[in-house]
Each structure stands twice: as C-alpha cells, then as structure tokens.
Amino acid sequence: MNDFYTKKDINEYTFELTVTIPSENFKHSYDLLMKEYAKDTDIKGFRKGKVPTKMVDNQMKEVVKFETFERLAPLYINTALSKENLEPIAPPEYKEIPKILDDLDVTFTITVTTMPTFKLGDTSKIKIKKDKLLVEDKEVEDAIKELKNTQQTKEQEINDKWAIEVATVINAPEIKTLEELKTKIKEALQIQKNHYQMHQLQDEALKKGIEISKIEIPQPAINFEASEREKAFTEDMQTRGIKIEDFLKANNITIEKMRELWIKDAQDALQADTFLNLYSKEKKVDITEEELEKKIEDVKASQPNADKSIFSNPQWREYIKNVERKEKGFKLFIEEVLGKEFLDEHN
C-alpha cells in the first residue's frame, strides 16, 4: 500500500516524497527507546535501571523523540523508494525537520534526485587533432647538461668516457659512446612526449564524448561526491596525525579552494563514469568469467594482506566486473576516436 507517502514530480529526475509515520508506530518505537534511556538514568530515590520513563526530564524526552525519528525515517523512505523504483544518486534531502508532537502523525518531505536518462551521442563524429611530436636536438643537449650538473663523475669533460660513467649510473651499461647516450636520451624523451600526448588526447576525447552525449550531472550528486572527498581527506589527515590547518598552510591553499577542486573533480569523475557506462552498454561491452578471474588474481597479488573472504563476495565481484567493463569500454572508445594505428605507434 502506498498510503503512507505521496510523490510529486519536480522534473524528469527530481521528485518530492511526503512521508507520514503513523503516530501509533512512532509512539511504539519511542516507548521502547525511552526504556533504554531510562535504564542509564540516575534519579535520587530510584535504583539505576528502575527509573519510570515518566520521570525522565523533558530535555531527554526531546532527544529521544529526535533519535526515534532518525531511526524510523530511513525505513519509511527506503520502502517508498523501493515502491517507486527510484534509485537516488545522492542522499535524500529533508526540506525541513518535522515537528514531533505527542499522539500525532509525523509527516516530513524529502527531495530525491535520480540520474537523468542520457543517450549516447554519435561518437563517430568526434575528431581529435593528432600532431607528430619530435624531439629536438636542443632538448637532448639540455638533458645532457642536466646530467652533467646532477651526476658526480670522474671525467669532467662531456665525451665518450663521461658517457660511459653516466651510462653506469642510469643502468645502461651497453652505452659506450657519447652519441649512443644521446640516442638513448632521445628515445626516452620521445617515449615521454608520446605518453604525455596520449593522456592529453584521451582527456580531450572523453570530454568531447561527454559533450556530444549532453551529460550533465545533477548538482546534489556532485555535492555529495565532493563531500565524500572532503570526508576522506579529513580521515586521512587524522590517521597521519596532521592538522588540517597545518597542511593547508604548508601547501599555500585554503579549504575553500580545496572544496572548489573537490567539486570540479567530483563533476569530472561522475561525467566520465556515466559516459563510459553509457558507451559500454551501447557497444555491448562485456567481461568474460576468464577476464574477471584474471583481474581478481591480479588484485589478490597486489593486496596479499586483504581479507580473503572479499574475493568470493558476489557484490564485490560485480563491482570489479563493472570497473573492468568501463575500462574495456574506455579502451574501445579511445581506439575508435584515435585509431588503432596511432595507438600502436604510441604504445
């Protein structure tokens, strides 16, 4: 039955639920909780644990009323969400804290935000300019000078003997001449440039994929994700025994600026996640059991001290499968946009 709540559509992804907790249900839970509080209350003339609930002061009663509401409200909310097949992407927001009066129903309204429905844009229209990056001779010479300034060698002149000494330091014993060292440096710089360019192009492709699919994440979801980042940061500082104000001072940044960065990071992450889910679903990307087991074995090897029971947990395995599906979808998307030939050249 749906008679304990009503639903109002605000827009295609935002809804208001007005929920009513019947007075008799609230009173039953309140009385049980009050008895628990009374057990730990000391009043002169009564043994501890034998204090009548009617003797508990009014301030304590108000505390128990609110705690009763905190315990009951989520049960009613989750039941309503289940009946309406709503999957919030952020915790429901209370429009106001209800007044809790004796022998009256408790009614409150929440706002529920769900993920909008998006349609994958035509990714074949995404065009990314790919420049051919070359390492200039000056870059190699600058790297040689840097090595000369940072490495202690017996040979003071930049020549073959010096190159052999440096080669030993950088673990390249096959190098016997200065020219061979320059070639090695040029190859390393080329790999570095290609790697950096690849990251830039991937970011640009993902951004255009999000734009062409018109993915706009509702603000409540972004705010919630940002708050989770701030919570994790605070817990990390506490674990490491670092005062937040000291960290901010040392890094010359304000908490307001960090919150701006958390908001931006949360928005980018949610947009990317939504797009990759959309793309993977549209392209029918799937993870085989063999692929899943291989990934789980990799996780086991990288986390030898982890609780072994987690590896057989169905929810955890499904989570890993979803992560791998998005990663596989991302690779397929990048191959579509940048081209297999270009990727082969840069890997």
Protein backbone atom coordinates (compact mmCIF):
# COMPACT_ATOMS: atom_id res chain seq x y z
CA MET A 1 0.00 0.00 0.00
CA ASN A 2 1.22 3.50 -0.80
CA ASP A 3 -0.95 5.38 1.69
CA PHE A 4 1.98 6.42 3.94
CA TYR A 5 3.53 8.66 1.28
CA THR A 6 2.75 10.81 -1.74
CA LYS A 7 5.01 11.54 -4.70
CA LYS A 8 5.39 14.79 -6.63
CA ASP A 9 7.46 15.08 -9.82
CA ILE A 10 9.66 18.19 -9.87
CA ASN A 11 11.33 17.32 -13.18
CA GLU A 12 12.41 14.17 -15.02
CA TYR A 13 14.98 13.25 -12.37
CA THR A 14 13.90 15.11 -9.20
CA PHE A 15 10.99 14.08 -7.00
CA GLU A 16 9.42 15.06 -3.69
CA LEU A 17 8.16 12.38 -1.34
CA THR A 18 5.94 13.42 1.54
CA VAL A 19 6.12 10.61 4.08
CA THR A 20 3.92 10.02 7.12
CA ILE A 21 4.93 7.91 10.11
CA PRO A 22 1.68 6.90 11.90
CA SER A 23 1.50 8.16 15.48
CA GLU A 24 1.00 4.66 16.91
CA ASN A 25 4.12 3.33 15.13
CA PHE A 26 6.17 6.30 16.26
CA LYS A 27 4.94 6.01 19.88
CA HIS A 28 5.75 2.29 19.98
CA SER A 29 9.35 2.89 18.88
CA TYR A 30 9.64 5.93 21.11
CA ASP A 31 8.50 4.00 24.20
CA LEU A 32 10.99 1.20 23.55
CA LEU A 33 13.86 3.64 23.13
CA MET A 34 12.80 5.64 26.19
CA LYS A 35 13.02 2.49 28.30
CA GLU A 36 16.60 2.02 27.09
CA TYR A 37 17.48 5.59 28.08
CA ALA A 38 15.74 5.22 31.46
CA LYS A 39 17.97 2.24 32.30
CA ASP A 40 21.02 4.52 32.28
CA THR A 41 19.37 7.46 34.06
CA ASP A 42 20.10 8.22 37.73
CA ILE A 43 17.32 9.84 39.78
CA LYS A 44 17.53 10.08 43.52
CA GLY A 45 15.16 7.62 45.18
CA PHE A 46 15.27 5.09 42.32
CA ARG A 47 17.70 2.32 41.63
CA LYS A 48 19.60 2.62 38.36
CA GLY A 49 17.64 0.86 35.64
CA LYS A 50 14.37 1.19 37.59
CA VAL A 51 13.57 4.80 36.77
CA PRO A 52 9.99 5.20 35.40
CA THR A 53 10.04 6.71 31.92
CA LYS A 54 7.60 9.42 33.01
CA MET A 55 10.26 10.67 35.45
CA VAL A 56 12.78 11.37 32.66
CA ASP A 57 13.17 15.14 32.13
CA ASN A 58 11.65 16.94 29.14
CA GLN A 59 15.01 17.67 27.52
CA MET A 60 15.84 13.97 27.46
CA LYS A 61 12.40 13.21 26.02
CA GLU A 62 13.03 15.60 23.12
CA VAL A 63 16.37 13.91 22.44
CA VAL A 64 14.68 10.50 22.39
CA LYS A 65 11.95 11.81 20.07
CA PHE A 66 14.53 13.00 17.57
CA GLU A 67 16.54 9.79 17.79
CA THR A 68 13.36 7.80 17.23
CA PHE A 69 12.72 9.85 14.11
CA GLU A 70 16.30 9.27 12.90
CA ARG A 71 15.81 5.53 13.27
CA LEU A 72 12.35 5.27 11.72
CA ALA A 73 12.56 7.78 8.85
CA PRO A 74 15.09 5.81 6.73
CA LEU A 75 12.89 2.69 6.95
CA TYR A 76 9.88 4.55 5.58
CA ILE A 77 11.98 6.39 2.99
CA ASN A 78 13.60 3.21 1.67
CA THR A 79 10.22 1.48 1.44
CA ALA A 80 8.80 4.40 -0.56
CA LEU A 81 11.85 4.48 -2.85
CA SER A 82 11.54 0.75 -3.46
CA LYS A 83 7.83 1.02 -4.29
CA GLU A 84 8.53 3.84 -6.76
CA ASN A 85 11.63 2.12 -8.24
CA LEU A 86 13.70 5.22 -7.53
CA GLU A 87 17.49 4.94 -7.23
CA PRO A 88 18.89 8.12 -5.62
CA ILE A 89 22.33 9.27 -6.73
CA ALA A 90 22.72 11.29 -3.52
CA PRO A 91 21.21 11.01 -0.04
CA PRO A 92 17.63 12.36 0.03
CA GLU A 93 17.42 15.94 1.30
CA TYR A 94 14.93 16.84 4.04
CA LYS A 95 13.04 20.01 3.21
CA GLU A 96 12.77 20.66 6.95
CA ILE A 97 12.99 18.79 10.24
CA PRO A 98 9.42 17.92 11.25
CA LYS A 99 7.80 18.94 14.49
CA ILE A 100 7.21 15.87 16.63
CA LEU A 101 4.10 16.31 18.76
CA ASP A 102 2.59 13.75 21.13
CA ASP A 103 -0.09 11.47 19.67
CA LEU A 104 0.15 12.99 16.16
CA ASP A 105 1.46 11.50 12.93
CA VAL A 106 4.98 12.60 11.98
CA THR A 107 4.99 13.98 8.44
CA PHE A 108 8.03 15.15 6.52
CA THR A 109 9.06 15.86 2.92
CA ILE A 110 12.26 14.84 1.19
CA THR A 111 13.73 15.67 -2.21
CA VAL A 112 15.07 12.70 -4.16
CA THR A 113 17.49 13.12 -7.07
CA THR A 114 17.98 10.31 -9.57
CA MET A 115 20.28 10.06 -12.57
CA PRO A 116 18.75 11.55 -15.72
CA THR A 117 18.41 9.34 -18.77
CA PHE A 118 21.12 10.08 -21.33
CA LYS A 119 21.54 8.95 -24.94
CA LEU A 120 24.96 8.22 -26.37
CA GLY A 121 25.93 10.80 -28.96
CA ASP A 122 27.38 9.91 -32.36
CA THR A 123 30.97 9.24 -31.29
CA SER A 124 32.00 8.69 -34.91
CA LYS A 125 31.77 12.48 -35.33
CA ILE A 126 34.45 13.12 -32.70
CA LYS A 127 37.59 14.47 -34.34
CA ILE A 128 40.87 14.88 -32.46
CA LYS A 129 43.90 16.62 -33.96
CA LYS A 130 46.99 14.43 -33.58
CA ASP A 131 50.31 16.17 -34.09
CA LYS A 132 53.52 14.28 -34.80
CA LEU A 133 55.79 15.08 -31.88
CA LEU A 134 59.54 15.09 -32.48
CA VAL A 135 62.41 15.50 -30.05
CA GLU A 136 64.61 18.46 -30.98
CA ASP A 137 68.40 18.34 -30.74
CA LYS A 138 68.29 21.17 -28.21
CA GLU A 139 66.16 19.04 -25.89
CA VAL A 140 68.78 16.29 -26.00
CA GLU A 141 71.57 18.81 -25.35
CA ASP A 142 69.63 20.24 -22.40
CA ALA A 143 69.23 16.73 -20.97
CA ILE A 144 72.97 16.13 -21.35
CA LYS A 145 73.70 19.37 -19.48
CA GLU A 146 71.27 18.35 -16.74
CA LEU A 147 73.08 15.04 -16.32
CA LYS A 148 76.40 16.88 -16.18
CA ASN A 149 75.11 19.12 -13.39
CA THR A 150 73.48 16.41 -11.34
CA GLN A 151 75.78 13.37 -11.70
CA GLN A 152 79.15 13.06 -9.96
CA THR A 153 81.71 11.67 -12.42
CA LYS A 154 85.49 11.39 -12.55
CA GLU A 155 85.56 12.61 -16.13
CA GLN A 156 84.94 16.36 -16.24
CA GLU A 157 84.54 16.75 -20.00
CA ILE A 158 81.41 15.66 -21.87
CA ASN A 159 82.92 12.91 -24.03
CA ASP A 160 82.82 9.15 -24.52
CA LYS A 161 84.47 8.41 -21.15
CA TRP A 162 81.96 10.66 -19.39
CA ALA A 163 79.11 8.95 -21.28
CA ILE A 164 80.28 5.52 -20.08
CA GLU A 165 80.30 6.74 -16.47
CA VAL A 166 76.83 8.21 -16.77
CA ALA A 167 75.56 5.08 -18.51
CA THR A 168 76.53 3.05 -15.46
CA VAL A 169 74.58 5.41 -13.20
CA ILE A 170 71.43 5.24 -15.36
CA ASN A 171 71.73 1.44 -15.66
CA ALA A 172 72.53 1.37 -19.38
CA PRO A 173 75.88 -0.47 -19.50
CA GLU A 174 75.50 -1.15 -23.25
CA ILE A 175 76.30 2.52 -23.99
CA LYS A 176 79.96 3.03 -24.98
CA THR A 177 79.96 6.43 -26.68
CA LEU A 178 78.51 9.90 -26.24
CA GLU A 179 76.46 9.50 -29.43
CA GLU A 180 74.93 6.28 -28.13
CA LEU A 181 74.00 8.12 -24.90
CA LYS A 182 72.37 10.91 -26.91
CA THR A 183 70.41 8.32 -28.90
CA LYS A 184 69.24 6.69 -25.66
CA ILE A 185 68.17 10.04 -24.25
CA LYS A 186 66.34 10.95 -27.44
CA GLU A 187 64.42 7.67 -27.35
CA ALA A 188 63.47 8.24 -23.71
CA LEU A 189 62.32 11.80 -24.41
CA GLN A 190 60.25 10.56 -27.36
CA ILE A 191 58.52 7.98 -25.19
CA GLN A 192 57.87 10.66 -22.57
CA LYS A 193 56.38 13.04 -25.14
CA ASN A 194 54.19 10.31 -26.65
CA HIS A 195 52.97 9.29 -23.21
CA TYR A 196 52.10 12.86 -22.25
CA GLN A 197 50.38 13.48 -25.59
CA MET A 198 48.37 10.27 -25.22
CA HIS A 199 46.99 11.40 -21.86
CA GLN A 200 46.05 14.77 -23.31
CA LEU A 201 44.30 13.22 -26.31
CA GLN A 202 42.44 10.71 -24.14
CA ASP A 203 41.20 13.51 -21.89
CA GLU A 204 40.12 15.54 -24.92
CA ALA A 205 38.32 12.57 -26.48
CA LEU A 206 36.49 11.82 -23.22
CA LYS A 207 35.49 15.47 -22.86
CA LYS A 208 34.06 15.52 -26.37
CA GLY A 209 32.26 12.23 -25.78
CA ILE A 210 30.61 13.73 -22.69
CA GLU A 211 29.69 16.91 -24.59
CA ILE A 212 28.24 15.10 -27.61
CA SER A 213 26.16 12.91 -25.27
CA LYS A 214 24.97 16.02 -23.36
CA ILE A 215 25.80 14.53 -19.97
CA GLU A 216 25.00 16.98 -17.17
CA ILE A 217 25.13 15.57 -13.64
CA PRO A 218 22.58 16.96 -11.14
CA GLN A 219 24.22 19.25 -8.58
CA PRO A 220 23.13 17.23 -5.49
CA ALA A 221 25.10 14.23 -6.79
CA ILE A 222 28.17 16.40 -7.40
CA ASN A 223 27.90 17.96 -3.94
CA PHE A 224 27.60 14.55 -2.30
CA GLU A 225 30.65 13.16 -4.13
CA ALA A 226 32.63 16.27 -3.22
CA SER A 227 31.66 15.91 0.44
CA GLU A 228 32.85 12.28 0.34
CA ARG A 229 36.23 13.51 -0.93
CA GLU A 230 36.44 16.04 1.89
CA LYS A 231 35.48 13.34 4.41
CA ALA A 232 38.20 11.01 3.08
CA PHE A 233 40.73 13.85 3.22
CA THR A 234 39.83 14.65 6.83
CA GLU A 235 40.10 11.00 7.87
CA ASP A 236 43.46 10.68 6.10
CA MET A 237 44.82 13.74 7.93
CA GLN A 238 43.62 12.34 11.26
CA THR A 239 45.18 8.93 10.55
CA ARG A 240 48.51 10.57 9.68
CA GLY A 241 48.34 12.85 12.72
CA ILE A 242 48.42 16.04 10.64
CA LYS A 243 46.36 19.10 11.48
CA ILE A 244 44.33 20.27 8.50
CA GLU A 245 45.30 23.90 9.08
CA ASP A 246 48.99 22.92 9.03
CA PHE A 247 48.52 21.02 5.75
CA LEU A 248 46.73 23.97 4.16
CA LYS A 249 49.43 26.40 5.30
CA ALA A 250 52.26 24.16 4.05
CA ASN A 251 50.61 23.85 0.63
CA ASN A 252 49.59 27.52 0.44
CA ILE A 253 45.93 26.70 -0.18
CA THR A 254 42.64 27.47 1.57
CA ILE A 255 39.92 24.99 2.49
CA GLU A 256 37.56 26.98 0.23
CA LYS A 257 39.88 26.44 -2.74
CA MET A 258 40.15 22.74 -1.95
CA ARG A 259 36.36 22.48 -1.86
CA GLU A 260 36.24 24.08 -5.30
CA LEU A 261 38.71 21.46 -6.53
CA TRP A 262 36.69 18.64 -4.93
CA ILE A 263 33.55 19.91 -6.68
CA LYS A 264 35.34 20.02 -10.05
CA ASP A 265 36.92 16.60 -9.52
CA ALA A 266 33.57 15.09 -8.48
CA GLN A 267 31.83 16.54 -11.53
CA ASP A 268 34.52 15.27 -13.93
CA ALA A 269 34.52 11.81 -12.35
CA LEU A 270 30.72 11.44 -12.43
CA GLN A 271 30.51 12.63 -16.03
CA ALA A 272 33.25 10.24 -17.14
CA ASP A 273 31.72 7.33 -15.24
CA THR A 274 28.26 7.99 -16.71
CA PHE A 275 29.62 8.29 -20.25
CA LEU A 276 31.66 5.08 -20.02
CA ASN A 277 28.68 3.18 -18.62
CA LEU A 278 26.57 4.52 -21.48
CA TYR A 279 29.20 3.72 -24.12
CA SER A 280 29.87 0.22 -22.76
CA LYS A 281 26.15 -0.58 -22.70
CA GLU A 282 25.58 0.78 -26.23
CA LYS A 283 28.56 -1.13 -27.64
CA LYS A 284 27.60 -4.29 -25.71
CA VAL A 285 30.95 -4.45 -23.91
CA ASP A 286 31.13 -7.39 -21.54
CA ILE A 287 33.65 -9.08 -19.27
CA THR A 288 34.05 -12.84 -19.52
CA GLU A 289 34.46 -15.00 -16.44
CA GLU A 290 38.04 -15.69 -17.53
CA GLU A 291 38.78 -11.94 -17.70
CA LEU A 292 37.13 -11.40 -14.32
CA GLU A 293 39.11 -14.19 -12.66
CA LYS A 294 42.36 -12.83 -14.10
CA LYS A 295 41.62 -9.38 -12.69
CA ILE A 296 40.75 -10.83 -9.29
CA GLU A 297 44.02 -12.77 -9.27
CA ASP A 298 45.84 -9.50 -10.01
CA VAL A 299 44.06 -7.85 -7.08
CA LYS A 300 44.98 -10.76 -4.81
CA ALA A 301 48.63 -10.46 -5.80
CA SER A 302 48.68 -6.71 -5.20
CA GLN A 303 46.89 -6.98 -1.82
CA PRO A 304 48.34 -10.05 -0.09
CA ASN A 305 47.08 -8.93 3.34
CA ALA A 306 43.46 -8.34 2.28
CA ASP A 307 40.60 -10.27 3.87
CA LYS A 308 40.33 -13.36 1.67
CA SER A 309 36.54 -13.58 2.06
CA ILE A 310 36.10 -10.41 -0.02
CA PHE A 311 37.27 -12.22 -3.16
CA SER A 312 34.22 -14.52 -3.16
CA ASN A 313 31.74 -11.81 -2.17
CA PRO A 314 29.15 -11.51 -5.03
CA GLN A 315 28.71 -7.73 -4.60
CA TRP A 316 32.47 -7.12 -4.64
CA ARG A 317 32.92 -9.35 -7.69
CA GLU A 318 30.15 -7.46 -9.51
CA TYR A 319 31.81 -4.17 -8.57
CA ILE A 320 35.13 -5.36 -10.04
CA LYS A 321 33.32 -6.59 -13.15
CA ASN A 322 31.71 -3.16 -13.64
CA VAL A 323 35.06 -1.41 -13.21
CA GLU A 324 36.66 -3.72 -15.79
CA ARG A 325 33.73 -3.25 -18.17
CA LYS A 326 34.17 0.53 -18.08
CA GLU A 327 37.95 0.18 -18.54
CA LYS A 328 37.39 -2.09 -21.54
CA GLY A 329 34.80 0.36 -22.89
CA PHE A 330 37.24 3.24 -22.45
CA LYS A 331 39.92 1.42 -24.48
CA LEU A 332 37.39 0.67 -27.22
CA PHE A 333 36.26 4.30 -27.28
CA ILE A 334 39.82 5.64 -27.49
CA GLU A 335 40.62 3.17 -30.29
CA GLU A 336 37.52 4.36 -32.17
CA VAL A 337 38.43 8.05 -31.81
CA LEU A 338 42.22 7.98 -32.16
CA GLY A 339 42.60 4.98 -34.41
CA LYS A 340 44.35 1.66 -33.79
CA GLU A 341 47.38 2.62 -35.90
CA PHE A 342 48.03 5.74 -33.82
CA LEU A 343 47.67 3.78 -30.57
CA ASP A 344 50.10 1.11 -31.78
CA GLU A 345 52.67 3.80 -32.56
CA HIS A 346 52.35 5.30 -29.08
CA ASN A 347 52.40 2.11 -27.05
